[in-house]
C-alpha atoms as a PDB file:
ATOM      1  CA  MET A   1     179.330  30.207 213.125  1.00  0.00           C
ATOM      2  CA  LEU A   2     177.919  28.661 210.214  1.00  0.00           C
ATOM      3  CA  ARG A   3     181.156  27.061 209.033  1.00  0.00           C
ATOM      4  CA  SER A   4     181.448  26.922 205.083  1.00  0.00           C
ATOM      5  CA  SER A   5     177.673  27.847 204.247  1.00  0.00           C
ATOM      6  CA  LEU A   6     178.127  26.293 201.034  1.00  0.00           C
ATOM      7  CA  THR A   7     180.969  23.993 199.755  1.00  0.00           C
ATOM      8  CA  VAL A   8     180.533  23.311 196.331  1.00  0.00           C
ATOM      9  CA  LEU A   9     181.922  19.362 195.556  1.00  0.00           C
ATOM     10  CA  LEU A  10     182.584  18.385 191.841  1.00  0.00           C
ATOM     11  CA  VAL A  11     183.341  14.948 191.174  1.00  0.00           C
ATOM     12  CA  LEU A  12     183.489  12.589 188.253  1.00  0.00           C
ATOM     13  CA  ALA A  13     181.910   9.570 188.293  1.00  0.00           C
ATOM     14  CA  SER A  14     184.733   6.854 186.768  1.00  0.00           C
ATOM     15  CA  MET A  15     183.101   3.718 186.753  1.00  0.00           C
ATOM     16  CA  SER A  16     180.545   4.740 183.399  1.00  0.00           C
ATOM     17  CA  PRO A  17     182.235   4.566 179.949  1.00  0.00           C
ATOM     18  CA  VAL A  18     181.991   8.098 179.343  1.00  0.00           C
ATOM     19  CA  PRO A  19     182.551  10.641 182.919  1.00  0.00           C
ATOM     20  CA  ALA A  20     179.411  12.106 184.801  1.00  0.00           C
ATOM     21  CA  PHE A  21     179.242  15.532 185.678  1.00  0.00           C
ATOM     22  CA  GLN A  22     178.377  14.735 189.779  1.00  0.00           C
ATOM     23  CA  LYS A  23     177.498  18.292 191.742  1.00  0.00           C
ATOM     24  CA  PHE A  24     177.134  18.434 195.694  1.00  0.00           C
ATOM     25  CA  GLU A  25     176.126  21.049 197.839  1.00  0.00           C
ATOM     26  CA  GLN A  26     177.940  20.900 201.638  1.00  0.00           C
ATOM     27  CA  TYR A  27     176.100  22.684 204.247  1.00  0.00           C
ATOM     28  CA  GLN A  28     177.827  23.330 207.491  1.00  0.00           C
ATOM     29  CA  ILE A  29     175.645  25.043 210.882  1.00  0.00           C
ATOM     30  CA  LEU A  30     176.961  25.115 214.086  1.00  0.00           C
ATOM     31  CA  GLY A  31     173.449  24.551 215.957  1.00  0.00           C
ATOM     32  CA  SER A  32     174.044  27.567 218.567  1.00  0.00           C
ATOM     33  CA  GLU A  33     173.036  29.733 214.963  1.00  0.00           C
ATOM     34  CA  ILE A  34     169.394  27.523 214.428  1.00  0.00           C
ATOM     35  CA  LEU A  35     166.381  29.339 215.908  1.00  0.00           C
ATOM     36  CA  SER A  36     164.395  26.606 214.486  1.00  0.00           C
ATOM     37  CA  VAL A  37     163.585  23.779 211.902  1.00  0.00           C
ATOM     38  CA  ARG A  38     160.600  22.834 209.971  1.00  0.00           C
ATOM     39  CA  LEU A  39     159.285  20.418 206.724  1.00  0.00           C
ATOM     40  CA  GLY A  40     157.972  22.812 203.852  1.00  0.00           C
ATOM     41  CA  PRO A  41     154.916  21.728 202.359  1.00  0.00           C
ATOM     42  CA  MET A  42     154.923  18.625 200.024  1.00  0.00           C
ATOM     43  CA  GLU A  43     153.399  19.088 196.716  1.00  0.00           C
ATOM     44  CA  VAL A  44     152.774  16.686 194.390  1.00  0.00           C
ATOM     45  CA  GLU A  45     155.964  15.837 192.701  1.00  0.00           C
ATOM     46  CA  ASP A  46     157.878  18.155 194.210  1.00  0.00           C
ATOM     47  CA  PRO A  47     161.024  17.505 196.244  1.00  0.00           C
ATOM     48  CA  ALA A  48     160.513  17.501 199.688  1.00  0.00           C
ATOM     49  CA  THR A  49     161.967  20.860 201.647  1.00  0.00           C
ATOM     50  CA  LEU A  50     163.597  21.309 205.253  1.00  0.00           C
ATOM     51  CA  ILE A  51     163.593  24.860 206.283  1.00  0.00           C
ATOM     52  CA  LEU A  52     166.352  25.762 208.772  1.00  0.00           C
ATOM     53  CA  GLU A  53     165.728  29.458 210.728  1.00  0.00           C
ATOM     54  CA  LEU A  54     169.313  31.084 211.640  1.00  0.00           C
ATOM     55  CA  THR A  55     170.312  33.634 214.123  1.00  0.00           C
ATOM     56  CA  PRO A  56     170.023  37.421 212.869  1.00  0.00           C
ATOM     57  CA  ASN A  57     173.773  37.508 213.966  1.00  0.00           C
ATOM     58  CA  SER A  58     175.097  33.901 212.270  1.00  0.00           C
ATOM     59  CA  SER A  59     177.247  34.684 209.361  1.00  0.00           C
ATOM     60  CA  GLY A  60     174.778  33.164 206.677  1.00  0.00           C
ATOM     61  CA  PRO A  61     171.238  34.246 205.465  1.00  0.00           C
ATOM     62  CA  GLY A  62     168.270  34.274 207.628  1.00  0.00           C
ATOM     63  CA  GLU A  63     166.750  30.875 205.921  1.00  0.00           C
ATOM     64  CA  ILE A  64     168.197  28.022 204.321  1.00  0.00           C
ATOM     65  CA  THR A  65     165.394  25.502 202.406  1.00  0.00           C
ATOM     66  CA  ILE A  66     166.887  22.531 201.448  1.00  0.00           C
ATOM     67  CA  GLU A  67     165.038  20.379 198.599  1.00  0.00           C
ATOM     68  CA  SER A  68     165.674  16.534 198.471  1.00  0.00           C
ATOM     69  CA  ASP A  69     163.472  13.868 196.300  1.00  0.00           C
ATOM     70  CA  ALA A  70     163.554  11.582 199.615  1.00  0.00           C
ATOM     71  CA  GLY A  71     161.954  12.146 202.949  1.00  0.00           C
ATOM     72  CA  LEU A  72     163.798  14.613 205.186  1.00  0.00           C
ATOM     73  CA  ASP A  73     162.119  13.559 208.581  1.00  0.00           C
ATOM     74  CA  ALA A  74     165.078  11.590 209.694  1.00  0.00           C
ATOM     75  CA  CYS A  75     167.111  15.035 208.731  1.00  0.00           C
ATOM     76  CA  LYS A  76     164.848  17.464 210.760  1.00  0.00           C
ATOM     77  CA  ALA A  77     165.524  15.289 214.105  1.00  0.00           C
ATOM     78  CA  THR A  78     169.264  15.234 213.646  1.00  0.00           C
ATOM     79  CA  VAL A  79     168.803  18.936 213.668  1.00  0.00           C
ATOM     80  CA  GLU A  80     166.608  18.684 216.397  1.00  0.00           C
ATOM     81  CA  GLU A  81     168.822  17.243 218.679  1.00  0.00           C
ATOM     82  CA  ILE A  82     171.732  20.348 218.052  1.00  0.00           C
ATOM     83  CA  LEU A  83     169.108  23.006 218.205  1.00  0.00           C
ATOM     84  CA  GLY A  84     170.768  25.869 220.566  1.00  0.00           C
ATOM     85  CA  SER A  85     174.149  23.589 221.176  1.00  0.00           C
ATOM     86  CA  ALA A  86     177.517  25.640 220.603  1.00  0.00           C
ATOM     87  CA  THR A  87     179.174  21.629 220.940  1.00  0.00           C
ATOM     88  CA  SER A  88     177.830  20.632 217.704  1.00  0.00           C
ATOM     89  CA  THR A  89     177.190  21.023 213.890  1.00  0.00           C
ATOM     90  CA  VAL A  90     175.251  19.284 211.467  1.00  0.00           C
ATOM     91  CA  GLU A  91     176.450  18.387 208.158  1.00  0.00           C
ATOM     92  CA  ILE A  92     173.736  18.494 205.662  1.00  0.00           C
ATOM     93  CA  THR A  93     175.299  17.024 201.894  1.00  0.00           C
ATOM     94  CA  VAL A  94     172.920  17.342 199.070  1.00  0.00           C
ATOM     95  CA  GLN A  95     173.784  15.767 195.662  1.00  0.00           C
ATOM     96  CA  VAL A  96     171.911  18.305 192.964  1.00  0.00           C
ATOM     97  CA  THR A  97     172.838  15.701 190.240  1.00  0.00           C
ATOM     98  CA  ALA A  98     171.056  12.896 191.659  1.00  0.00           C
ATOM     99  CA  ASP A  99     169.242  10.403 189.184  1.00  0.00           C
ATOM    100  CA  THR A 100     166.125  10.936 190.184  1.00  0.00           C
ATOM    101  CA  MET A 101     162.699  12.874 189.862  1.00  0.00           C
ATOM    102  CA  ASN A 102     164.403  16.603 190.541  1.00  0.00           C
ATOM    103  CA  GLY A 103     167.761  15.862 190.455  1.00  0.00           C
ATOM    104  CA  VAL A 104     168.077  16.968 194.379  1.00  0.00           C
ATOM    105  CA  MET A 105     168.977  14.149 196.960  1.00  0.00           C
ATOM    106  CA  VAL A 106     170.229  14.661 200.531  1.00  0.00           C
ATOM    107  CA  ILE A 107     172.474  11.656 201.005  1.00  0.00           C
ATOM    108  CA  GLN A 108     174.421  12.622 204.682  1.00  0.00           C
ATOM    109  CA  CYS A 109     172.768  14.652 206.910  1.00  0.00           C
ATOM    110  CA  ALA A 110     174.639  14.136 210.737  1.00  0.00           C
ATOM    111  CA  ARG A 111     175.473  15.523 214.224  1.00  0.00           C
ATOM    112  CA  ILE A 112     179.041  16.445 214.163  1.00  0.00           C
ATOM    113  CA  PRO A 113     180.906  17.598 217.303  1.00  0.00           C
ATOM    114  CA  VAL A 114     182.501  20.755 217.555  1.00  0.00           C
ATOM    115  CA  PRO A 115     186.675  19.738 217.699  1.00  0.00           C
ATOM    116  CA  GLY A 116     187.986  20.716 221.493  1.00  0.00           C
ATOM    117  CA  THR A 117     184.298  21.129 223.772  1.00  0.00           C
END
């Protein structure tokens, strides 16, 4: 089951003299709901894309595209490790107000075991 398909976290940065607004998107997806994962075509000055195709019976959309100004090869490998697994989720956190060219940065991509399995 797609757990918290999209959680938006808002944070005020207290390190700068003027608080800055930061926005994050968080995806938690059960491995058994992921059919495939691939990297999208890379275009000059465009962010890298990670495309997750989900099972038709998942509680989310059929496909999720995640963008990042940093490479997504390691995140793709993490997702590939849990494909089809009912005992692991992938948790991907994207900062959508990053200080990068396109303002998007995957800051976490981790395999998380499902509690009680």
